[in-house]
Amino acid sequence: MSWECPHQTGDESTCERRGLPCKPLESGCVLCGKVTFVGIEEKERSMKTPNDSLTPRANIQPDQTVAETVLRYPQLREKLEQLGVDYCCGGKRSLADAVQRARLDLAEVVRALEQALDQPRAAATDWTAASVTALAEHILDTHHVFTKAQLPRIAALLAKVQRAHSLHHGAMLAALRSAFEPLRAELEAHLSKEEQILFPAIIAIDGYLAGRNARPQVHCGSVAHPIRQMEFEHDGAGAALARMRELTQDYQLPDDACETFKALYAALSALEVDLHEHIHLENNVLFPASVAQEQRIGAPT
């Protein structure tokens, strides 16, 4: 085709990455934002990225899902995080719905997002353009490593703060522990299942399509089954993060907070930010891409 898509199949009508009809302007396509349609005729206008200074001002569409918005403009993750708009577990909701759930004004949020896009900054990594294996390895090497290091550290900080501040903040800290400990246990088991079962299958499917390995035998018959379980567990993690933010009043430190108290809140906030991005990359990029790849290779003969 005229735009030389790297994911075209033989009939030049199906995207091998997503397993769907080729639609270059849709989120998830590596050419999204790079090809312009004029009338009925498809014409390639430029190969400039959305961050290029010559690109027309971005148009935030409230009826698009939050995931689609972030996939098109990865640099908006930080602003959505600051605003408290869910883009990971709730990524399948429209931006308008997500903003309403966050009890924010839609016009103000859209304006803030457009202003964020206008700010000069280093281009965010477009993981929709990366291979499935590269993204899976990034998640393992970055987000899994971070989470496994932070969980025991947070547990130790919380225990220390409870011992020092139980007199004035005992009830809140006890409730915080009641939210954190199940989250820690769930995440540790969750990461183990991804590392031992799901991610090896995802990488093997991608490797088979790239000619690096033999056709894999996927646990439970299809990669879609463990993916559904992982997404269900993501919802539970998201609810626990929201509960901890509520208990701490958005991690607002009390007047008598010591340095350990400050470190605890900083660590919990950092865990929340990292998990949001972690879940977004899995739910909205890695998992759909792997399901599409498995559908492409079809059932074993």
C-alpha atoms as a PDB file:
ATOM      1  CA  MET A   1       0.000   0.000   0.000  1.00  0.00           C
ATOM      2  CA  SER A   2       1.136   3.578  -0.478  1.00  0.00           C
ATOM      3  CA  TRP A   3       2.120   4.074   3.153  1.00  0.00           C
ATOM      4  CA  GLU A   4       4.180   0.846   3.282  1.00  0.00           C
ATOM      5  CA  CYS A   5       2.691  -0.478   6.496  1.00  0.00           C
ATOM      6  CA  PRO A   6       5.051  -3.037   8.095  1.00  0.00           C
ATOM      7  CA  HIS A   7       2.103  -5.056   9.409  1.00  0.00           C
ATOM      8  CA  GLN A   8       0.235  -5.771   6.153  1.00  0.00           C
ATOM      9  CA  THR A   9      -0.599  -9.372   5.300  1.00  0.00           C
ATOM     10  CA  GLY A  10      -0.505 -10.769   1.794  1.00  0.00           C
ATOM     11  CA  ASP A  11      -3.873  -9.449   0.670  1.00  0.00           C
ATOM     12  CA  GLU A  12      -2.934  -5.944   1.883  1.00  0.00           C
ATOM     13  CA  SER A  13      -6.251  -5.587   3.695  1.00  0.00           C
ATOM     14  CA  THR A  14      -5.608  -7.077   7.129  1.00  0.00           C
ATOM     15  CA  CYS A  15      -3.271  -5.802   9.836  1.00  0.00           C
ATOM     16  CA  GLU A  16      -1.204  -8.749  11.061  1.00  0.00           C
ATOM     17  CA  ARG A  17      -0.472  -6.916  14.356  1.00  0.00           C
ATOM     18  CA  ARG A  18      -4.105  -6.442  15.333  1.00  0.00           C
ATOM     19  CA  GLY A  19      -5.829  -9.064  13.176  1.00  0.00           C
ATOM     20  CA  LEU A  20      -8.321  -6.452  11.972  1.00  0.00           C
ATOM     21  CA  PRO A  21      -9.051  -4.690   8.666  1.00  0.00           C
ATOM     22  CA  CYS A  22      -6.396  -2.083   7.923  1.00  0.00           C
ATOM     23  CA  LYS A  23      -7.489   1.307   9.274  1.00  0.00           C
ATOM     24  CA  PRO A  24      -4.423   3.588   9.499  1.00  0.00           C
ATOM     25  CA  LEU A  25      -6.173   6.324  11.459  1.00  0.00           C
ATOM     26  CA  GLU A  26      -7.254   4.051  14.306  1.00  0.00           C
ATOM     27  CA  SER A  27      -5.402   3.876  17.633  1.00  0.00           C
ATOM     28  CA  GLY A  28      -3.001   0.961  17.776  1.00  0.00           C
ATOM     29  CA  CYS A  29      -1.835   1.316  14.185  1.00  0.00           C
ATOM     30  CA  VAL A  30       1.822   2.268  13.818  1.00  0.00           C
ATOM     31  CA  LEU A  31       0.759   4.826  11.195  1.00  0.00           C
ATOM     32  CA  CYS A  32      -1.852   6.522  13.371  1.00  0.00           C
ATOM     33  CA  GLY A  33      -1.262  10.259  13.126  1.00  0.00           C
ATOM     34  CA  LYS A  34       1.098   9.839  10.169  1.00  0.00           C
ATOM     35  CA  VAL A  35      -1.386   9.365   7.324  1.00  0.00           C
ATOM     36  CA  THR A  36      -4.095  11.860   6.360  1.00  0.00           C
ATOM     37  CA  PHE A  37      -7.219  10.954   4.389  1.00  0.00           C
ATOM     38  CA  VAL A  38      -8.486  13.548   1.886  1.00  0.00           C
ATOM     39  CA  GLY A  39     -12.066  12.949   0.751  1.00  0.00           C
ATOM     40  CA  ILE A  40     -12.495   9.398  -0.464  1.00  0.00           C
ATOM     41  CA  GLU A  41      -8.957   9.112  -1.787  1.00  0.00           C
ATOM     42  CA  GLU A  42      -6.228   7.981   0.604  1.00  0.00           C
ATOM     43  CA  LYS A  43      -3.091  10.061   0.368  1.00  0.00           C
ATOM     44  CA  GLU A  44       0.086   9.972   2.361  1.00  0.00           C
ATOM     45  CA  ARG A  45       0.795  13.509   3.496  1.00  0.00           C
ATOM     46  CA  SER A  46       3.743  13.074   5.848  1.00  0.00           C
ATOM     47  CA  MET A  47       5.519  10.747   8.182  1.00  0.00           C
ATOM     48  CA  LYS A  48       5.881  13.312  10.958  1.00  0.00           C
ATOM     49  CA  THR A  49       5.124  12.175  14.493  1.00  0.00           C
ATOM     50  CA  PRO A  50       2.419  13.795  16.681  1.00  0.00           C
ATOM     51  CA  ASN A  51       5.225  15.552  18.569  1.00  0.00           C
ATOM     52  CA  ASP A  52       6.517  17.300  15.438  1.00  0.00           C
ATOM     53  CA  SER A  53       6.240  21.077  15.650  1.00  0.00           C
ATOM     54  CA  LEU A  54       4.603  21.218  12.212  1.00  0.00           C
ATOM     55  CA  THR A  55       1.790  18.850  13.154  1.00  0.00           C
ATOM     56  CA  PRO A  56      -1.602  20.603  13.580  1.00  0.00           C
ATOM     57  CA  ARG A  57      -2.758  21.120  17.142  1.00  0.00           C
ATOM     58  CA  ALA A  58      -4.097  17.928  18.674  1.00  0.00           C
ATOM     59  CA  ASN A  59      -7.827  17.477  18.972  1.00  0.00           C
ATOM     60  CA  ILE A  60      -8.817  15.624  22.144  1.00  0.00           C
ATOM     61  CA  GLN A  61     -12.000  13.652  21.482  1.00  0.00           C
ATOM     62  CA  PRO A  62     -14.120  12.992  24.602  1.00  0.00           C
ATOM     63  CA  ASP A  63     -15.998  10.147  22.897  1.00  0.00           C
ATOM     64  CA  GLN A  64     -12.787   8.164  22.372  1.00  0.00           C
ATOM     65  CA  THR A  65     -11.793   5.717  25.085  1.00  0.00           C
ATOM     66  CA  VAL A  66      -9.132   6.828  27.517  1.00  0.00           C
ATOM     67  CA  ALA A  67      -6.925   4.007  26.258  1.00  0.00           C
ATOM     68  CA  GLU A  68      -7.242   5.240  22.664  1.00  0.00           C
ATOM     69  CA  THR A  69      -6.332   8.753  23.780  1.00  0.00           C
ATOM     70  CA  VAL A  70      -3.231   7.556  25.628  1.00  0.00           C
ATOM     71  CA  LEU A  71      -2.191   5.209  22.838  1.00  0.00           C
ATOM     72  CA  ARG A  72      -2.301   8.107  20.407  1.00  0.00           C
ATOM     73  CA  TYR A  73      -0.646  10.564  22.818  1.00  0.00           C
ATOM     74  CA  PRO A  74       1.539   8.565  25.271  1.00  0.00           C
ATOM     75  CA  GLN A  75       2.830  11.805  26.778  1.00  0.00           C
ATOM     76  CA  LEU A  76      -0.616  12.416  28.329  1.00  0.00           C
ATOM     77  CA  ARG A  77      -0.230   9.609  30.871  1.00  0.00           C
ATOM     78  CA  GLU A  78       1.459  11.924  33.358  1.00  0.00           C
ATOM     79  CA  LYS A  79      -1.254  14.591  33.071  1.00  0.00           C
ATOM     80  CA  LEU A  80      -4.069  12.052  33.411  1.00  0.00           C
ATOM     81  CA  GLU A  81      -2.295  10.673  36.479  1.00  0.00           C
ATOM     82  CA  GLN A  82      -2.116  14.151  38.003  1.00  0.00           C
ATOM     83  CA  LEU A  83      -5.801  14.742  37.273  1.00  0.00           C
ATOM     84  CA  GLY A  84      -6.842  11.406  38.753  1.00  0.00           C
ATOM     85  CA  VAL A  85      -8.410  10.133  35.512  1.00  0.00           C
ATOM     86  CA  ASP A  86      -8.195   6.332  35.228  1.00  0.00           C
ATOM     87  CA  TYR A  87      -6.455   5.298  31.998  1.00  0.00           C
ATOM     88  CA  CYS A  88      -5.428   1.741  32.929  1.00  0.00           C
ATOM     89  CA  CYS A  89      -8.164  -0.442  34.473  1.00  0.00           C
ATOM     90  CA  GLY A  90     -10.807   1.990  33.206  1.00  0.00           C
ATOM     91  CA  GLY A  91      -9.122   2.522  29.856  1.00  0.00           C
ATOM     92  CA  LYS A  92     -12.049   1.070  27.910  1.00  0.00           C
ATOM     93  CA  ARG A  93     -14.362   3.860  29.111  1.00  0.00           C
ATOM     94  CA  SER A  94     -14.779   7.009  27.059  1.00  0.00           C
ATOM     95  CA  LEU A  95     -12.756   9.998  28.184  1.00  0.00           C
ATOM     96  CA  ALA A  96     -16.002  11.807  29.000  1.00  0.00           C
ATOM     97  CA  ASP A  97     -17.176   8.928  31.221  1.00  0.00           C
ATOM     98  CA  ALA A  98     -13.804   8.625  32.972  1.00  0.00           C
ATOM     99  CA  VAL A  99     -13.745  12.369  33.672  1.00  0.00           C
ATOM    100  CA  GLN A 100     -17.272  12.225  35.072  1.00  0.00           C
ATOM    101  CA  ARG A 101     -16.286   9.316  37.351  1.00  0.00           C
ATOM    102  CA  ALA A 102     -13.357  11.408  38.584  1.00  0.00           C
ATOM    103  CA  ARG A 103     -15.843  14.233  39.317  1.00  0.00           C
ATOM    104  CA  LEU A 104     -14.024  16.690  37.100  1.00  0.00           C
ATOM    105  CA  ASP A 105     -15.201  19.214  34.521  1.00  0.00           C
ATOM    106  CA  LEU A 106     -14.822  17.776  31.014  1.00  0.00           C
ATOM    107  CA  ALA A 107     -14.044  21.094  29.329  1.00  0.00           C
ATOM    108  CA  GLU A 108     -11.322  21.862  31.868  1.00  0.00           C
ATOM    109  CA  VAL A 109      -9.781  18.408  31.481  1.00  0.00           C
ATOM    110  CA  VAL A 110      -9.754  18.643  27.681  1.00  0.00           C
ATOM    111  CA  ARG A 111      -8.149  22.065  27.924  1.00  0.00           C
ATOM    112  CA  ALA A 112      -5.499  20.739  30.340  1.00  0.00           C
ATOM    113  CA  LEU A 113      -4.719  17.810  28.042  1.00  0.00           C
ATOM    114  CA  GLU A 114      -4.382  20.042  24.995  1.00  0.00           C
ATOM    115  CA  GLN A 115      -2.116  22.380  26.931  1.00  0.00           C
ATOM    116  CA  ALA A 116       0.010  19.396  27.979  1.00  0.00           C
ATOM    117  CA  LEU A 117       0.384  18.389  24.347  1.00  0.00           C
ATOM    118  CA  ASP A 118       1.542  21.898  23.500  1.00  0.00           C
ATOM    119  CA  GLN A 119       4.392  21.719  26.008  1.00  0.00           C
ATOM    120  CA  PRO A 120       7.796  20.880  24.463  1.00  0.00           C
ATOM    121  CA  ARG A 121       9.157  17.681  25.957  1.00  0.00           C
ATOM    122  CA  ALA A 122      11.009  14.540  24.994  1.00  0.00           C
ATOM    123  CA  ALA A 123       8.864  12.232  22.920  1.00  0.00           C
ATOM    124  CA  ALA A 124       7.272   9.426  24.930  1.00  0.00           C
ATOM    125  CA  THR A 125       7.908   5.868  23.775  1.00  0.00           C
ATOM    126  CA  ASP A 126       5.222   4.638  21.404  1.00  0.00           C
ATOM    127  CA  TRP A 127       4.864   1.035  22.540  1.00  0.00           C
ATOM    128  CA  THR A 128       2.221   0.323  19.895  1.00  0.00           C
ATOM    129  CA  ALA A 129       5.052   0.524  17.353  1.00  0.00           C
ATOM    130  CA  ALA A 130       7.288  -1.924  19.241  1.00  0.00           C
ATOM    131  CA  SER A 131       7.280  -5.673  18.810  1.00  0.00           C
ATOM    132  CA  VAL A 132       5.251  -7.735  21.256  1.00  0.00           C
ATOM    133  CA  THR A 133       8.444  -9.303  22.592  1.00  0.00           C
ATOM    134  CA  ALA A 134      10.117  -5.928  23.127  1.00  0.00           C
ATOM    135  CA  LEU A 135       7.119  -4.639  25.071  1.00  0.00           C
ATOM    136  CA  ALA A 136       6.845  -7.808  27.165  1.00  0.00           C
ATOM    137  CA  GLU A 137      10.539  -7.619  28.052  1.00  0.00           C
ATOM    138  CA  HIS A 138      10.191  -3.931  28.925  1.00  0.00           C
ATOM    139  CA  ILE A 139       7.334  -4.702  31.328  1.00  0.00           C
ATOM    140  CA  LEU A 140       9.301  -7.516  32.949  1.00  0.00           C
ATOM    141  CA  ASP A 141      12.568  -5.601  33.237  1.00  0.00           C
ATOM    142  CA  THR A 142      11.032  -2.296  34.331  1.00  0.00           C
ATOM    143  CA  HIS A 143       7.653  -2.640  36.010  1.00  0.00           C
ATOM    144  CA  HIS A 144       7.978  -6.132  37.468  1.00  0.00           C
ATOM    145  CA  VAL A 145      11.417  -5.353  38.878  1.00  0.00           C
ATOM    146  CA  PHE A 146      10.190  -2.086  40.389  1.00  0.00           C
ATOM    147  CA  THR A 147       7.087  -3.623  41.983  1.00  0.00           C
ATOM    148  CA  LYS A 148       8.947  -6.574  43.499  1.00  0.00           C
ATOM    149  CA  ALA A 149      11.502  -4.209  45.026  1.00  0.00           C
ATOM    150  CA  GLN A 150       8.961  -1.733  46.390  1.00  0.00           C
ATOM    151  CA  LEU A 151       6.457  -4.083  48.032  1.00  0.00           C
ATOM    152  CA  PRO A 152       8.740  -5.274  50.895  1.00  0.00           C
ATOM    153  CA  ARG A 153      10.165  -1.761  51.274  1.00  0.00           C
ATOM    154  CA  ILE A 154       6.681  -0.288  51.713  1.00  0.00           C
ATOM    155  CA  ALA A 155       5.737  -3.021  54.177  1.00  0.00           C
ATOM    156  CA  ALA A 156       8.786  -2.177  56.320  1.00  0.00           C
ATOM    157  CA  LEU A 157       8.090   1.576  56.169  1.00  0.00           C
ATOM    158  CA  LEU A 158       4.456   1.042  57.122  1.00  0.00           C
ATOM    159  CA  ALA A 159       5.393  -1.104  60.119  1.00  0.00           C
ATOM    160  CA  LYS A 160       7.854   1.536  61.311  1.00  0.00           C
ATOM    161  CA  VAL A 161       5.330   4.368  60.917  1.00  0.00           C
ATOM    162  CA  GLN A 162       2.695   2.366  62.795  1.00  0.00           C
ATOM    163  CA  ARG A 163       5.051   1.886  65.734  1.00  0.00           C
ATOM    164  CA  ALA A 164       5.925   5.585  65.867  1.00  0.00           C
ATOM    165  CA  HIS A 165       2.547   7.176  65.113  1.00  0.00           C
ATOM    166  CA  SER A 166      -0.086   4.769  66.429  1.00  0.00           C
ATOM    167  CA  LEU A 167      -1.212   7.222  69.127  1.00  0.00           C
ATOM    168  CA  HIS A 168      -2.472   9.898  66.740  1.00  0.00           C
ATOM    169  CA  HIS A 169      -2.905   8.010  63.468  1.00  0.00           C
ATOM    170  CA  GLY A 170      -3.461   4.419  64.577  1.00  0.00           C
ATOM    171  CA  ALA A 171      -6.892   3.883  62.973  1.00  0.00           C
ATOM    172  CA  MET A 172      -5.875   5.281  59.597  1.00  0.00           C
ATOM    173  CA  LEU A 173      -2.615   3.342  59.529  1.00  0.00           C
ATOM    174  CA  ALA A 174      -4.363   0.102  60.494  1.00  0.00           C
ATOM    175  CA  ALA A 175      -6.853   0.603  57.668  1.00  0.00           C
ATOM    176  CA  LEU A 176      -3.979   1.392  55.317  1.00  0.00           C
ATOM    177  CA  ARG A 177      -2.270  -1.872  56.255  1.00  0.00           C
ATOM    178  CA  SER A 178      -5.552  -3.744  55.724  1.00  0.00           C
ATOM    179  CA  ALA A 179      -5.622  -2.400  52.172  1.00  0.00           C
ATOM    180  CA  PHE A 180      -1.916  -2.802  51.427  1.00  0.00           C
ATOM    181  CA  GLU A 181      -1.245  -6.339  52.683  1.00  0.00           C
ATOM    182  CA  PRO A 182      -3.847  -8.054  50.448  1.00  0.00           C
ATOM    183  CA  LEU A 183      -2.623  -5.948  47.524  1.00  0.00           C
ATOM    184  CA  ARG A 184       0.950  -7.045  48.192  1.00  0.00           C
ATOM    185  CA  ALA A 185      -0.025 -10.718  48.362  1.00  0.00           C
ATOM    186  CA  GLU A 186      -2.114 -10.458  45.199  1.00  0.00           C
ATOM    187  CA  LEU A 187       0.595  -8.634  43.258  1.00  0.00           C
ATOM    188  CA  GLU A 188       3.328 -11.070  44.247  1.00  0.00           C
ATOM    189  CA  ALA A 189       1.214 -14.010  43.065  1.00  0.00           C
ATOM    190  CA  HIS A 190       0.105 -12.064  39.990  1.00  0.00           C
ATOM    191  CA  LEU A 191       3.647 -11.239  38.867  1.00  0.00           C
ATOM    192  CA  SER A 192       4.678 -14.861  39.351  1.00  0.00           C
ATOM    193  CA  LYS A 193       1.831 -16.111  37.130  1.00  0.00           C
ATOM    194  CA  GLU A 194       2.710 -13.610  34.434  1.00  0.00           C
ATOM    195  CA  GLU A 195       6.391 -14.507  34.537  1.00  0.00           C
ATOM    196  CA  GLN A 196       5.908 -18.288  34.622  1.00  0.00           C
ATOM    197  CA  ILE A 197       2.861 -18.771  32.391  1.00  0.00           C
ATOM    198  CA  LEU A 198       1.528 -15.798  30.464  1.00  0.00           C
ATOM    199  CA  PHE A 199       4.570 -13.868  29.297  1.00  0.00           C
ATOM    200  CA  PRO A 200       6.476 -16.947  28.066  1.00  0.00           C
ATOM    201  CA  ALA A 201       3.405 -17.816  25.981  1.00  0.00           C
ATOM    202  CA  ILE A 202       3.095 -14.271  24.631  1.00  0.00           C
ATOM    203  CA  ILE A 203       6.790 -14.156  23.693  1.00  0.00           C
ATOM    204  CA  ALA A 204       6.621 -17.638  22.146  1.00  0.00           C
ATOM    205  CA  ILE A 205       3.648 -16.693  19.933  1.00  0.00           C
ATOM    206  CA  ASP A 206       5.491 -13.588  18.756  1.00  0.00           C
ATOM    207  CA  GLY A 207       8.639 -15.635  18.223  1.00  0.00           C
ATOM    208  CA  TYR A 208       6.745 -18.199  16.153  1.00  0.00           C
ATOM    209  CA  LEU A 209       5.370 -15.485  13.865  1.00  0.00           C
ATOM    210  CA  ALA A 210       8.878 -14.023  13.528  1.00  0.00           C
ATOM    211  CA  GLY A 211      10.378 -17.441  12.746  1.00  0.00           C
ATOM    212  CA  ARG A 212      12.464 -17.603  15.937  1.00  0.00           C
ATOM    213  CA  ASN A 213      10.908 -20.717  17.471  1.00  0.00           C
ATOM    214  CA  ALA A 214       8.485 -23.567  16.915  1.00  0.00           C
ATOM    215  CA  ARG A 215       4.745 -23.178  17.332  1.00  0.00           C
ATOM    216  CA  PRO A 216       4.061 -22.908  21.077  1.00  0.00           C
ATOM    217  CA  GLN A 217       1.603 -24.953  23.107  1.00  0.00           C
ATOM    218  CA  VAL A 218      -0.244 -22.411  25.238  1.00  0.00           C
ATOM    219  CA  HIS A 219      -1.349 -23.217  28.779  1.00  0.00           C
ATOM    220  CA  CYS A 220      -5.167 -23.556  29.046  1.00  0.00           C
ATOM    221  CA  GLY A 221      -5.436 -23.807  25.254  1.00  0.00           C
ATOM    222  CA  SER A 222      -5.437 -20.099  24.487  1.00  0.00           C
ATOM    223  CA  VAL A 223      -3.531 -17.051  25.663  1.00  0.00           C
ATOM    224  CA  ALA A 224      -6.900 -15.303  26.023  1.00  0.00           C
ATOM    225  CA  HIS A 225      -7.776 -17.357  29.120  1.00  0.00           C
ATOM    226  CA  PRO A 226      -4.898 -16.261  31.401  1.00  0.00           C
ATOM    227  CA  ILE A 227      -5.229 -12.749  29.987  1.00  0.00           C
ATOM    228  CA  ARG A 228      -8.826 -12.532  31.211  1.00  0.00           C
ATOM    229  CA  GLN A 229      -7.691 -13.622  34.674  1.00  0.00           C
ATOM    230  CA  MET A 230      -4.872 -11.082  34.704  1.00  0.00           C
ATOM    231  CA  GLU A 231      -7.272  -8.297  33.714  1.00  0.00           C
ATOM    232  CA  PHE A 232      -9.636  -9.313  36.516  1.00  0.00           C
ATOM    233  CA  GLU A 233      -6.753  -9.124  38.987  1.00  0.00           C
ATOM    234  CA  HIS A 234      -5.762  -5.736  37.564  1.00  0.00           C
ATOM    235  CA  ASP A 235      -9.221  -4.449  38.490  1.00  0.00           C
ATOM    236  CA  GLY A 236      -8.670  -5.629  42.068  1.00  0.00           C
ATOM    237  CA  ALA A 237      -5.292  -3.900  42.225  1.00  0.00           C
ATOM    238  CA  GLY A 238      -6.792  -0.693  40.875  1.00  0.00           C
ATOM    239  CA  ALA A 239      -9.498  -0.752  43.546  1.00  0.00           C
ATOM    240  CA  ALA A 240      -6.891  -1.267  46.285  1.00  0.00           C
ATOM    241  CA  LEU A 241      -4.810   1.657  44.998  1.00  0.00           C
ATOM    242  CA  ALA A 242      -7.893   3.873  44.993  1.00  0.00           C
ATOM    243  CA  ARG A 243      -8.737   2.780  48.551  1.00  0.00           C
ATOM    244  CA  MET A 244      -5.250   3.649  49.834  1.00  0.00           C
ATOM    245  CA  ARG A 245      -5.398   7.054  48.180  1.00  0.00           C
ATOM    246  CA  GLU A 246      -8.770   7.645  49.824  1.00  0.00           C
ATOM    247  CA  LEU A 247      -7.519   6.599  53.279  1.00  0.00           C
ATOM    248  CA  THR A 248      -4.514   8.934  53.057  1.00  0.00           C
ATOM    249  CA  GLN A 249      -6.551  11.840  51.640  1.00  0.00           C
ATOM    250  CA  ASP A 250      -4.516  11.828  48.426  1.00  0.00           C
ATOM    251  CA  TYR A 251      -1.313  11.159  50.373  1.00  0.00           C
ATOM    252  CA  GLN A 252      -1.569  14.392  52.310  1.00  0.00           C
ATOM    253  CA  LEU A 253       0.968  14.252  55.124  1.00  0.00           C
ATOM    254  CA  PRO A 254      -0.130  15.055  58.685  1.00  0.00           C
ATOM    255  CA  ASP A 255       1.552  17.945  60.476  1.00  0.00           C
ATOM    256  CA  ASP A 256       3.564  15.592  62.692  1.00  0.00           C
ATOM    257  CA  ALA A 257       4.875  13.434  59.848  1.00  0.00           C
ATOM    258  CA  CYS A 258       8.447  12.267  60.304  1.00  0.00           C
ATOM    259  CA  GLU A 259      10.866  11.440  57.505  1.00  0.00           C
ATOM    260  CA  THR A 260       9.766   7.795  57.494  1.00  0.00           C
ATOM    261  CA  PHE A 261       6.113   8.873  57.185  1.00  0.00           C
ATOM    262  CA  LYS A 262       7.115  11.022  54.200  1.00  0.00           C
ATOM    263  CA  ALA A 263       9.033   8.134  52.654  1.00  0.00           C
ATOM    264  CA  LEU A 264       6.018   5.829  53.098  1.00  0.00           C
ATOM    265  CA  TYR A 265       3.631   8.152  51.313  1.00  0.00           C
ATOM    266  CA  ALA A 266       6.155   8.842  48.559  1.00  0.00           C
ATOM    267  CA  ALA A 267       6.678   5.107  48.030  1.00  0.00           C
ATOM    268  CA  LEU A 268       2.953   4.364  47.932  1.00  0.00           C
ATOM    269  CA  SER A 269       2.366   7.169  45.460  1.00  0.00           C
ATOM    270  CA  ALA A 270       5.234   5.968  43.257  1.00  0.00           C
ATOM    271  CA  LEU A 271       3.866   2.403  43.353  1.00  0.00           C
ATOM    272  CA  GLU A 272       0.466   3.715  42.254  1.00  0.00           C
ATOM    273  CA  VAL A 273       1.905   5.677  39.317  1.00  0.00           C
ATOM    274  CA  ASP A 274       4.031   2.745  38.160  1.00  0.00           C
ATOM    275  CA  LEU A 275       1.185   0.235  38.451  1.00  0.00           C
ATOM    276  CA  HIS A 276      -1.125   2.490  36.465  1.00  0.00           C
ATOM    277  CA  GLU A 277       1.352   2.593  33.583  1.00  0.00           C
ATOM    278  CA  HIS A 278       2.127  -1.106  34.016  1.00  0.00           C
ATOM    279  CA  ILE A 279      -1.543  -2.098  33.804  1.00  0.00           C
ATOM    280  CA  HIS A 280      -2.156   0.277  30.904  1.00  0.00           C
ATOM    281  CA  LEU A 281       0.634  -1.275  28.844  1.00  0.00           C
ATOM    282  CA  GLU A 282      -0.707  -4.764  29.485  1.00  0.00           C
ATOM    283  CA  ASN A 283      -4.470  -4.198  29.204  1.00  0.00           C
ATOM    284  CA  ASN A 284      -4.415  -1.752  26.309  1.00  0.00           C
ATOM    285  CA  VAL A 285      -1.340  -2.698  24.271  1.00  0.00           C
ATOM    286  CA  LEU A 286       0.328  -6.045  25.032  1.00  0.00           C
ATOM    287  CA  PHE A 287      -2.711  -8.230  25.656  1.00  0.00           C
ATOM    288  CA  PRO A 288      -4.773  -7.122  22.619  1.00  0.00           C
ATOM    289  CA  ALA A 289      -1.721  -7.490  20.378  1.00  0.00           C
ATOM    290  CA  SER A 290      -1.028 -11.022  21.623  1.00  0.00           C
ATOM    291  CA  VAL A 291      -4.656 -12.119  21.250  1.00  0.00           C
ATOM    292  CA  ALA A 292      -4.606 -10.806  17.664  1.00  0.00           C
ATOM    293  CA  GLN A 293      -1.388 -12.704  16.963  1.00  0.00           C
ATOM    294  CA  GLU A 294      -2.848 -15.947  18.314  1.00  0.00           C
ATOM    295  CA  GLN A 295      -5.950 -15.478  16.185  1.00  0.00           C
ATOM    296  CA  ARG A 296      -3.736 -14.958  13.176  1.00  0.00           C
ATOM    297  CA  ILE A 297      -1.886 -18.261  13.556  1.00  0.00           C
ATOM    298  CA  GLY A 298      -5.181 -20.077  14.146  1.00  0.00           C
ATOM    299  CA  ALA A 299      -5.854 -23.385  15.851  1.00  0.00           C
ATOM    300  CA  PRO A 300      -3.154 -26.071  15.602  1.00  0.00           C
ATOM    301  CA  THR A 301      -3.722 -28.642  12.875  1.00  0.00           C
END
